[in-house]
Protein backbone atom coordinates (compact mmCIF):
# COMPACT_ATOMS: atom_id res chain seq x y z
CA MET A 1 102.89 132.46 112.11
CA THR A 2 104.16 130.97 108.89
CA THR A 3 106.59 133.06 106.85
CA LEU A 4 104.63 134.08 103.74
CA ALA A 5 107.49 135.50 101.65
CA ASP A 6 109.34 133.30 99.18
CA PRO A 7 113.00 132.70 100.01
CA VAL A 8 115.60 134.37 97.81
CA PRO A 9 119.37 133.95 97.36
CA GLY A 10 121.01 135.88 100.15
CA GLY A 11 118.07 135.18 102.46
CA ARG A 12 114.67 136.70 103.18
CA PRO A 13 114.92 140.18 104.71
CA GLY A 14 116.21 139.84 108.25
CA ASP A 15 116.61 136.05 108.10
CA VAL A 16 120.41 135.93 108.18
CA GLU A 17 120.53 138.18 111.24
CA ARG A 18 117.78 136.15 112.87
CA ALA A 19 119.55 132.86 112.05
CA THR A 20 122.80 134.22 113.52
CA ALA A 21 121.06 135.05 116.77
CA LEU A 22 119.25 131.71 116.78
CA SER A 23 122.49 129.86 116.15
CA GLY A 24 124.04 131.26 119.30
CA GLU A 25 120.87 130.73 121.32
CA LEU A 26 120.52 127.13 120.16
CA ALA A 27 124.16 126.34 120.87
CA GLY A 28 123.69 127.73 124.38
CA ARG A 29 120.80 125.29 124.86
CA GLY A 30 122.89 122.29 123.82
CA VAL A 31 121.48 122.03 120.29
CA HIS A 32 124.07 120.69 117.86
CA GLY A 33 122.12 120.34 114.63
CA VAL A 34 119.05 121.59 112.80
CA VAL A 35 116.85 119.19 110.82
CA LEU A 36 115.59 120.73 107.56
CA ALA A 37 112.40 118.87 106.65
CA TYR A 38 110.01 118.61 103.73
CA VAL A 39 107.58 115.99 102.42
CA ASP A 40 107.93 114.40 99.00
CA THR A 41 105.18 113.50 96.52
CA ALA A 42 104.85 110.00 97.99
CA GLY A 43 104.23 111.48 101.45
CA ILE A 44 107.61 110.51 102.92
CA ALA A 45 109.24 113.09 105.20
CA ARG A 46 112.72 113.73 103.80
CA VAL A 47 115.42 115.67 105.61
CA LYS A 48 118.84 117.21 105.48
CA ALA A 49 120.54 118.64 108.55
CA VAL A 50 123.14 121.29 109.27
CA PRO A 51 125.29 121.96 112.32
CA THR A 52 123.82 124.74 114.43
CA ALA A 53 126.68 127.06 113.46
CA LYS A 54 125.71 126.71 109.79
CA LEU A 55 122.14 127.92 110.24
CA PRO A 56 122.98 131.48 109.04
CA SER A 57 124.49 130.03 105.86
CA ALA A 58 121.38 127.89 105.30
CA ALA A 59 119.18 130.96 105.77
CA ALA A 60 121.25 132.92 103.26
CA TRP A 61 122.05 130.38 100.56
CA GLY A 62 119.97 127.31 101.32
CA VAL A 63 121.10 123.69 101.39
CA GLY A 64 121.36 121.63 98.23
CA MET A 65 119.04 118.73 97.41
CA SER A 66 118.27 117.08 94.10
CA PRO A 67 114.91 117.66 92.40
CA VAL A 68 114.83 113.91 91.71
CA PHE A 69 113.09 113.47 95.07
CA ASP A 70 109.90 114.77 93.45
CA THR A 71 109.59 111.35 91.82
CA PHE A 72 110.78 109.09 94.65
CA LEU A 73 108.38 106.32 95.60
CA ALA A 74 107.77 105.21 99.15
CA ASP A 75 110.31 102.38 98.71
CA ASP A 76 112.95 104.89 97.51
CA SER A 77 112.85 103.76 93.90
CA ILE A 78 112.57 106.53 91.30
CA VAL A 79 110.18 107.02 88.40
CA THR A 80 110.81 109.37 85.51
CA THR A 81 108.75 111.53 83.17
CA ASP A 82 109.62 113.88 80.35
CA VAL A 83 110.27 116.67 82.86
CA LEU A 84 110.95 114.92 86.18
CA GLY A 85 113.23 112.26 87.62
CA SER A 86 116.49 113.32 86.03
CA PRO A 87 119.71 112.97 88.05
CA ASP A 88 120.69 116.45 86.85
CA GLY A 89 120.19 119.79 88.57
CA ASP A 90 119.91 121.03 92.12
CA LEU A 91 117.49 122.86 94.39
CA ARG A 92 118.07 124.93 97.52
CA LEU A 93 116.27 124.16 100.78
CA TYR A 94 115.51 127.31 102.79
CA PRO A 95 114.36 126.94 106.41
CA ASP A 96 111.30 128.85 107.58
CA LEU A 97 112.79 130.29 110.78
CA SER A 98 109.35 131.29 112.05
CA ARG A 99 108.56 127.57 112.45
CA LEU A 100 111.90 126.45 113.95
CA VAL A 101 111.58 124.52 117.23
CA VAL A 102 113.94 122.73 119.56
CA LEU A 103 113.10 119.02 119.54
CA ALA A 104 112.33 117.93 123.08
CA GLY A 105 111.97 114.36 121.86
CA GLN A 106 115.43 114.43 120.24
CA PRO A 107 117.87 116.14 122.61
CA GLY A 108 120.56 118.06 120.76
CA TRP A 109 118.41 118.82 117.72
CA ALA A 110 116.16 121.55 116.38
CA TRP A 111 113.76 121.27 113.44
CA ALA A 112 112.45 123.58 110.72
CA PRO A 113 110.34 123.06 107.57
CA VAL A 114 111.76 124.27 104.28
CA ASP A 115 110.68 125.82 101.01
CA ARG A 116 112.56 124.81 97.88
CA ILE A 117 113.76 127.22 95.20
CA THR A 118 115.91 126.84 92.11
CA GLN A 119 119.60 127.69 91.98
CA GLU A 120 118.62 130.75 89.94
CA GLY A 121 116.43 131.95 92.80
CA GLY A 122 113.04 131.17 91.27
CA THR A 123 110.17 129.31 92.91
CA HIS A 124 110.43 125.56 92.39
CA PRO A 125 107.12 124.55 90.75
CA GLY A 126 107.31 121.14 92.45
CA CYS A 127 107.50 122.50 96.01
CA ALA A 128 104.30 121.46 97.76
CA ARG A 129 104.77 123.83 100.71
CA THR A 130 105.21 126.80 98.36
CA PHE A 131 102.13 125.71 96.41
CA LEU A 132 100.02 125.78 99.58
CA ARG A 133 101.47 129.12 100.75
CA HIS A 134 100.68 130.75 97.42
CA LEU A 135 97.17 129.28 97.28
CA VAL A 136 96.33 130.55 100.77
CA ALA A 137 97.69 133.99 99.86
CA ARG A 138 95.55 134.10 96.68
CA ALA A 139 92.44 133.16 98.65
CA ALA A 140 93.10 136.10 100.94
CA ARG A 141 93.60 138.52 98.04
CA ARG A 142 90.73 137.38 95.84
CA HIS A 143 88.12 136.28 98.37
CA GLY A 144 89.14 137.90 101.64
CA LEU A 145 89.43 134.42 103.16
CA SER A 146 91.71 132.89 105.72
CA PHE A 147 91.58 129.33 106.99
CA ARG A 148 91.96 127.41 110.22
CA ALA A 149 93.12 123.84 109.79
CA SER A 150 94.32 120.76 111.62
CA ILE A 151 95.13 117.12 110.92
CA GLU A 152 94.18 114.21 113.15
CA ILE A 153 97.03 111.79 113.69
CA GLU A 154 96.44 108.08 114.15
CA TRP A 155 99.23 105.58 114.60
CA ALA A 156 99.84 101.99 115.62
CA VAL A 157 102.36 101.21 118.38
CA GLY A 158 104.32 97.99 117.96
CA GLN A 159 106.86 96.10 120.01
CA GLY A 160 109.36 96.72 117.24
CA PRO A 161 109.73 95.33 113.73
CA ALA A 162 110.21 91.56 113.92
CA ALA A 163 112.62 89.69 111.68
CA GLU A 164 110.00 89.45 108.94
CA GLY A 165 108.67 92.96 109.49
CA GLU A 166 105.46 91.82 111.18
CA PHE A 167 103.45 94.12 113.41
CA VAL A 168 103.08 92.99 117.02
CA PRO A 169 100.93 95.42 119.06
CA ALA A 170 102.70 96.90 122.06
CA VAL A 171 99.44 97.11 124.04
CA THR A 172 96.71 94.55 124.56
CA GLY A 173 93.84 96.54 126.03
CA PRO A 174 90.49 97.03 124.27
CA ALA A 175 89.63 99.84 121.86
CA TYR A 176 89.35 103.20 123.64
CA GLY A 177 90.11 101.27 126.83
CA ALA A 178 91.76 102.60 129.94
CA ALA A 179 94.02 99.55 129.94
CA ARG A 180 95.85 100.77 126.83
CA GLN A 181 96.49 104.18 128.34
CA VAL A 182 97.88 102.51 131.48
CA GLU A 183 100.08 100.13 129.51
CA LEU A 184 101.66 103.02 127.59
CA SER A 185 101.41 105.57 130.39
CA ASP A 186 105.08 106.58 130.66
CA CYS A 187 105.56 106.94 126.91
CA LEU A 188 102.38 108.99 126.44
CA ALA A 189 103.25 111.28 129.35
CA GLU A 190 106.70 111.91 127.89
CA LEU A 191 105.11 112.55 124.49
CA LEU A 192 102.74 115.16 125.90
CA ALA A 193 105.61 116.84 127.74
CA ALA A 194 107.73 116.91 124.57
CA LEU A 195 104.93 118.36 122.47
CA ALA A 196 104.18 121.02 125.08
CA ALA A 197 107.87 121.99 125.18
CA GLN A 198 107.76 122.33 121.38
CA GLY A 199 104.74 124.66 121.53
CA VAL A 200 102.27 122.11 120.14
CA ASP A 201 98.80 122.70 121.56
CA VAL A 202 97.36 119.19 122.02
CA ASP A 203 93.58 118.95 122.31
CA GLN A 204 93.36 115.28 123.21
CA ILE A 205 95.09 111.91 123.03
CA HIS A 206 93.43 108.52 123.41
CA PRO A 207 93.52 104.83 122.50
CA GLU A 208 91.76 104.16 119.21
CA TYR A 209 89.91 101.24 117.63
CA ALA A 210 92.52 99.09 115.87
CA ALA A 211 95.17 96.93 117.52
CA GLY A 212 97.81 99.06 119.22
CA GLN A 213 96.27 102.24 117.80
CA PHE A 214 96.23 105.73 119.32
CA GLU A 215 95.02 109.12 118.12
CA LEU A 216 96.19 112.65 118.84
CA SER A 217 94.36 115.86 117.95
CA VAL A 218 95.91 119.32 117.90
CA ALA A 219 94.56 122.86 117.81
CA ALA A 220 93.94 124.59 114.48
CA LEU A 221 96.45 126.88 112.77
CA ASP A 222 96.73 128.40 109.31
CA PRO A 223 96.97 125.58 106.72
CA VAL A 224 100.72 125.83 106.12
CA ALA A 225 101.48 125.83 109.83
CA ALA A 226 98.99 122.98 110.34
CA ALA A 227 100.80 120.90 107.72
CA ASP A 228 104.15 121.76 109.33
CA ARG A 229 102.77 120.73 112.70
CA SER A 230 101.58 117.38 111.37
CA VAL A 231 105.10 116.57 110.17
CA LEU A 232 106.63 117.75 113.45
CA VAL A 233 104.18 115.82 115.64
CA ARG A 234 104.83 112.58 113.77
CA GLN A 235 108.59 113.03 114.09
CA THR A 236 108.12 113.60 117.82
CA ILE A 237 105.87 110.54 118.27
CA ARG A 238 108.44 108.40 116.49
CA ALA A 239 111.35 109.79 118.50
CA VAL A 240 109.71 109.47 121.91
CA SER A 241 108.40 105.99 121.13
CA GLY A 242 111.86 104.90 120.02
CA ARG A 243 113.30 106.03 123.34
CA HIS A 244 110.86 103.58 124.97
CA GLY A 245 111.87 100.71 122.68
CA LEU A 246 108.67 100.95 120.64
CA ALA A 247 108.08 101.15 116.90
CA VAL A 248 105.31 103.22 115.34
CA SER A 249 103.52 103.07 112.02
CA PHE A 250 101.44 105.84 110.48
CA ALA A 251 100.73 103.66 107.42
CA PRO A 252 97.13 103.68 106.16
CA ALA A 253 96.82 99.93 106.75
CA VAL A 254 99.21 98.25 109.15
CA LEU A 255 97.36 94.98 108.57
CA ALA A 256 95.42 93.79 105.53
CA ARG A 257 92.11 93.71 107.39
CA GLY A 258 90.48 95.98 109.92
CA VAL A 259 90.43 99.69 110.61
CA GLY A 260 93.50 101.56 109.38
CA ASN A 261 95.24 104.79 110.37
CA GLY A 262 93.47 107.93 109.22
CA GLY A 263 94.67 111.50 108.93
CA HIS A 264 91.36 113.37 108.71
CA LEU A 265 91.61 117.02 107.67
CA HIS A 266 89.68 119.70 109.55
CA LEU A 267 89.16 123.03 107.81
CA SER A 268 87.15 126.19 108.32
CA ALA A 269 87.00 129.34 106.20
CA TRP A 270 87.03 132.76 107.87
CA ARG A 271 86.48 136.33 106.70
CA ASP A 272 87.22 139.44 108.77
CA GLY A 273 87.69 137.28 111.86
CA VAL A 274 84.30 135.55 111.48
CA ASN A 275 83.94 131.79 111.02
CA LEU A 276 81.81 131.26 107.92
CA HIS A 277 80.72 127.83 109.14
CA ALA A 278 78.73 129.24 112.07
CA GLY A 279 75.98 131.80 112.54
CA GLY A 280 74.75 131.69 108.94
CA ASP A 281 71.24 131.15 107.61
CA HIS A 282 72.02 127.98 105.65
CA ARG A 283 71.98 124.41 106.87
CA HIS A 284 73.49 123.82 110.31
CA GLY A 285 74.47 127.46 110.64
CA MET A 286 76.65 127.64 107.54
CA THR A 287 76.79 130.85 105.56
CA ALA A 288 76.15 130.73 101.81
CA ASP A 289 79.90 130.90 101.18
CA ALA A 290 80.65 128.09 103.64
CA GLU A 291 78.02 125.86 102.04
CA ALA A 292 79.33 126.57 98.55
CA PHE A 293 82.89 125.89 99.70
CA THR A 294 81.82 122.58 101.28
CA ALA A 295 79.89 121.63 98.14
CA GLY A 296 83.02 122.23 96.07
CA VAL A 297 85.03 119.88 98.25
CA LEU A 298 82.31 117.22 98.15
CA ALA A 299 82.02 117.38 94.36
CA ARG A 300 85.72 116.67 93.89
CA LEU A 301 86.19 113.95 96.51
CA PRO A 302 86.73 111.18 93.92
CA ALA A 303 89.62 113.09 92.31
CA LEU A 304 90.92 114.32 95.66
CA THR A 305 91.54 110.76 96.82
CA ALA A 306 94.57 110.54 94.52
CA VAL A 307 96.13 113.19 96.77
CA THR A 308 94.52 112.45 100.16
CA ALA A 309 94.76 108.64 99.88
CA PRO A 310 97.88 108.29 97.74
CA SER A 311 99.13 104.78 98.55
CA PRO A 312 97.94 101.37 97.38
CA ALA A 313 97.64 100.64 101.12
CA SER A 314 95.17 103.53 101.42
CA TYR A 315 92.54 101.41 99.69
CA LEU A 316 92.82 98.67 102.30
CA ARG A 317 91.56 101.33 104.71
CA LEU A 318 88.96 102.97 102.46
CA ARG A 319 86.21 100.41 102.92
CA PRO A 320 82.55 100.96 103.76
CA SER A 321 81.28 100.88 107.33
CA GLN A 322 84.73 101.51 108.87
CA TRP A 323 84.33 105.27 109.54
CA ALA A 324 86.63 106.00 106.62
CA GLY A 325 84.10 108.15 104.71
CA VAL A 326 84.12 106.35 101.37
CA PHE A 327 81.02 107.94 99.84
CA THR A 328 80.32 111.29 98.16
CA ALA A 329 77.94 112.25 100.93
CA TRP A 330 77.83 114.81 103.71
CA GLY A 331 76.03 115.20 107.00
CA ARG A 332 76.21 116.76 110.41
CA GLU A 333 78.37 114.49 112.59
CA THR A 334 77.92 111.67 110.06
CA ARG A 335 81.11 109.67 110.39
CA GLU A 336 80.49 107.42 107.39
CA ALA A 337 80.11 110.38 105.01
CA GLY A 338 83.08 111.65 103.04
CA VAL A 339 82.52 115.16 104.43
CA ARG A 340 81.37 115.55 108.01
CA VAL A 341 79.94 118.91 109.05
CA ILE A 342 80.92 119.72 112.62
CA THR A 343 78.91 122.45 114.32
CA GLY A 344 80.56 122.24 117.73
CA THR A 345 78.86 122.51 121.08
CA ALA A 346 76.33 125.27 121.77
CA GLY A 347 78.15 128.32 123.06
CA HIS A 348 81.36 127.40 121.22
CA ARG A 349 80.21 127.15 117.61
CA ASP A 350 81.59 130.44 116.38
CA ARG A 351 85.07 129.04 117.05
CA ALA A 352 84.61 125.28 116.65
CA ALA A 353 82.46 124.83 113.53
CA ASN A 354 84.37 123.27 110.62
CA ILE A 355 84.27 120.53 108.03
CA GLU A 356 86.12 117.23 108.35
CA ILE A 357 87.36 115.50 105.19
CA LYS A 358 87.50 111.83 106.07
CA PRO A 359 89.04 109.87 103.14
CA VAL A 360 92.52 111.05 104.13
CA ASP A 361 95.46 109.16 105.61
CA LEU A 362 98.98 110.02 106.69
CA ALA A 363 100.61 108.76 103.50
CA ALA A 364 99.34 112.03 102.04
CA ASN A 365 101.66 114.97 101.63
CA PRO A 366 99.82 117.38 103.96
CA TYR A 367 100.66 120.46 101.90
CA LEU A 368 99.26 118.89 98.74
CA ALA A 369 96.22 117.59 100.60
CA PHE A 370 95.27 120.95 102.13
CA GLY A 371 96.05 122.77 98.90
CA CYS A 372 93.86 120.55 96.73
CA VAL A 373 90.99 120.57 99.24
CA ILE A 374 91.11 124.37 99.41
CA ALA A 375 91.28 124.62 95.60
CA ALA A 376 88.16 122.42 95.35
CA GLY A 377 86.38 124.55 97.94
CA LEU A 378 87.30 127.81 96.23
CA ASP A 379 85.94 126.45 92.95
CA GLY A 380 82.68 125.67 94.71
CA LEU A 381 82.64 129.18 96.15
CA ALA A 382 83.29 130.79 92.77
CA ASN A 383 80.45 128.80 91.20
CA SER A 384 77.98 129.13 94.10
CA ALA A 385 77.84 125.35 94.36
CA VAL A 386 74.94 123.85 96.30
CA LEU A 387 75.18 120.93 98.67
CA PRO A 388 72.91 117.99 97.85
CA GLU A 389 70.54 116.46 100.37
CA GLU A 390 72.14 115.62 103.69
CA ILE A 391 72.76 111.97 104.53
CA THR A 392 72.18 110.40 107.93
CA GLY A 393 73.33 106.96 108.99
CA ASP A 394 75.58 104.75 106.87
CA PRO A 395 75.40 105.46 103.10
CA ALA A 396 76.36 101.83 102.52
CA GLY A 397 72.78 100.95 103.44
CA LEU A 398 71.26 102.89 100.55
CA GLY A 399 69.91 100.95 97.63
CA ALA A 400 71.45 101.58 94.23
CA GLU A 401 68.55 103.63 92.90
CA GLU A 402 68.24 105.78 96.02
CA ALA A 403 71.99 106.37 96.09
CA ARG A 404 71.95 107.55 92.46
CA ALA A 405 68.97 109.80 93.10
CA ARG A 406 70.75 111.40 96.06
CA GLY A 407 74.10 111.77 94.29
CA VAL A 408 75.83 109.29 96.58
CA ARG A 409 78.58 107.30 94.90
CA ARG A 410 81.35 105.12 96.18
CA LEU A 411 84.77 106.75 96.11
CA PRO A 412 87.48 105.03 94.06
CA GLY A 413 88.19 101.53 95.29
CA SER A 414 91.78 101.52 94.06
CA LEU A 415 94.60 103.97 93.52
CA ALA A 416 94.31 103.40 89.76
CA GLU A 417 90.68 104.56 89.82
CA ALA A 418 91.64 107.59 91.89
CA VAL A 419 94.42 108.56 89.47
CA ALA A 420 91.98 108.38 86.56
CA GLU A 421 89.59 110.73 88.38
CA PHE A 422 92.42 113.10 89.28
CA THR A 423 93.89 113.17 85.77
CA ALA A 424 90.52 114.24 84.36
CA ASP A 425 89.91 116.95 86.97
CA GLU A 426 90.87 120.31 85.51
CA VAL A 427 90.33 122.24 88.74
CA LEU A 428 92.82 120.20 90.77
CA THR A 429 95.39 119.79 88.02
CA GLY A 430 95.05 123.47 87.15
CA ALA A 431 95.64 124.49 90.76
CA LEU A 432 98.72 122.29 91.07
CA GLY A 433 100.22 123.32 87.75
CA PRO A 434 101.91 121.03 85.23
CA VAL A 435 105.00 120.07 87.26
CA LEU A 436 103.21 119.08 90.47
CA THR A 437 100.47 117.37 88.47
CA ASP A 438 103.09 115.42 86.55
CA ALA A 439 104.77 114.40 89.81
CA VAL A 440 101.53 113.25 91.43
CA ILE A 441 100.48 111.15 88.45
CA ALA A 442 103.93 109.64 87.91
CA VAL A 443 104.45 108.72 91.54
CA ARG A 444 100.96 107.25 91.92
CA ARG A 445 101.42 105.14 88.80
CA GLY A 446 104.80 104.08 90.09
CA GLU A 447 103.28 102.93 93.39
CA ILE A 448 100.62 100.97 91.48
CA ALA A 449 103.29 99.20 89.42
CA ALA A 450 105.42 98.50 92.49
CA VAL A 451 102.73 96.28 94.03
CA ASP A 452 101.32 94.78 90.86
CA GLY A 453 100.25 91.21 91.61
CA PHE A 454 100.46 91.65 95.41
CA ASP A 455 97.65 90.38 97.60
CA ASP A 456 96.27 92.58 100.39
CA ALA A 457 98.66 91.20 103.01
CA ALA A 458 101.67 91.89 100.80
CA VAL A 459 100.47 95.44 100.09
CA ALA A 460 100.08 96.14 103.82
CA ALA A 461 103.54 94.69 104.50
CA ALA A 462 105.12 96.76 101.72
CA TYR A 463 104.09 100.06 103.32
CA ARG A 464 103.86 99.09 107.00
CA TRP A 465 107.14 100.65 108.08
CA ARG A 466 107.49 103.25 105.33
CA TYR A 467 105.24 105.76 107.11
């Protein structure tokens, strides 16, 4: 379980004693250092690390890191606003010991996600993980809700960055083909073993559609733990692949054309141990609350894309008829709709039913993505929102008049359009608060300026090896 309490100077109750015991245990297992990980506004996983013997000190007093990282871009340049981007100040990174794991893919290392607080001991308003923890806690208090969540992980496997940074697929077999699995057999087997040793419950792994592409799905956890797991799994994929001389890219678009890498979110709302997406008297077994929650998410998809598809490269992927879900439409098992309702197989629906949010990629900060999706859903729940007519087939085939009549619109076709939708959305900006909102807008505008004048190939190249 995720630690729900905010860290405080001197450590959460019992954390220093726990860290002291862990330090000795880790040293006995040959672990020399602990990676302290978080994700910045641009979606880049940033880290500091401490020797294993210093874990108790990190649990008590945190580890310093500048707040300037809230406005880092993917290329490590920095943008500034009236309140963010200053070289002044410091924050403290506090590890969540409940999520600490020994890294089987990186012998000698352990890993833990962090929450960030100020030097004075207050919550840092720009900490995305804290934002999600607090939002989930409020949903439990106000609505009696808990959530089960997971993130699909798609990545492209290359032979290694060439001199010019090109992508050369490491496998040649067809999409979903057995040949790809055979070609990468040793690496994939080691990856599964590493994830199992780290306590990651993998549901499936398979070759995907695009060149050199694979996908891995994991079991659902609470949203904070699911976001943690997404970061951990990607670190493990990268580490194991590197040990086999391979390079990996989680970028939304490795190439300028074709299917990109998605990071679809799966989410279900629960109350008193009952899945609200199954066994109800509304469409496809949803309860009234589940349908209202889903309607809230659907209504805010255009604004959500600024968070779930946060890179200029995201919009090379978000194209119609590529299973990217680029329309404000929903349907049962409709893979071209922005929101796909999954009922699960008969006999398993009380556990498996959920919604899948498709216009999401792995440039997204997973804590921000889950938090904003949940905020949109809770707004729908509070306002008893109603889902429009269900869509079947590909919404791209609808004529303009029929699409308007059915409330189906194309999601933003550029990051600039998405930022405009987000900026005007009071529900999402209100949920994030002024500091996180400021960071999101500033970083997105910075990314737009960074690739101004680039053609599609140059945009893909700019982000290919950043994620």
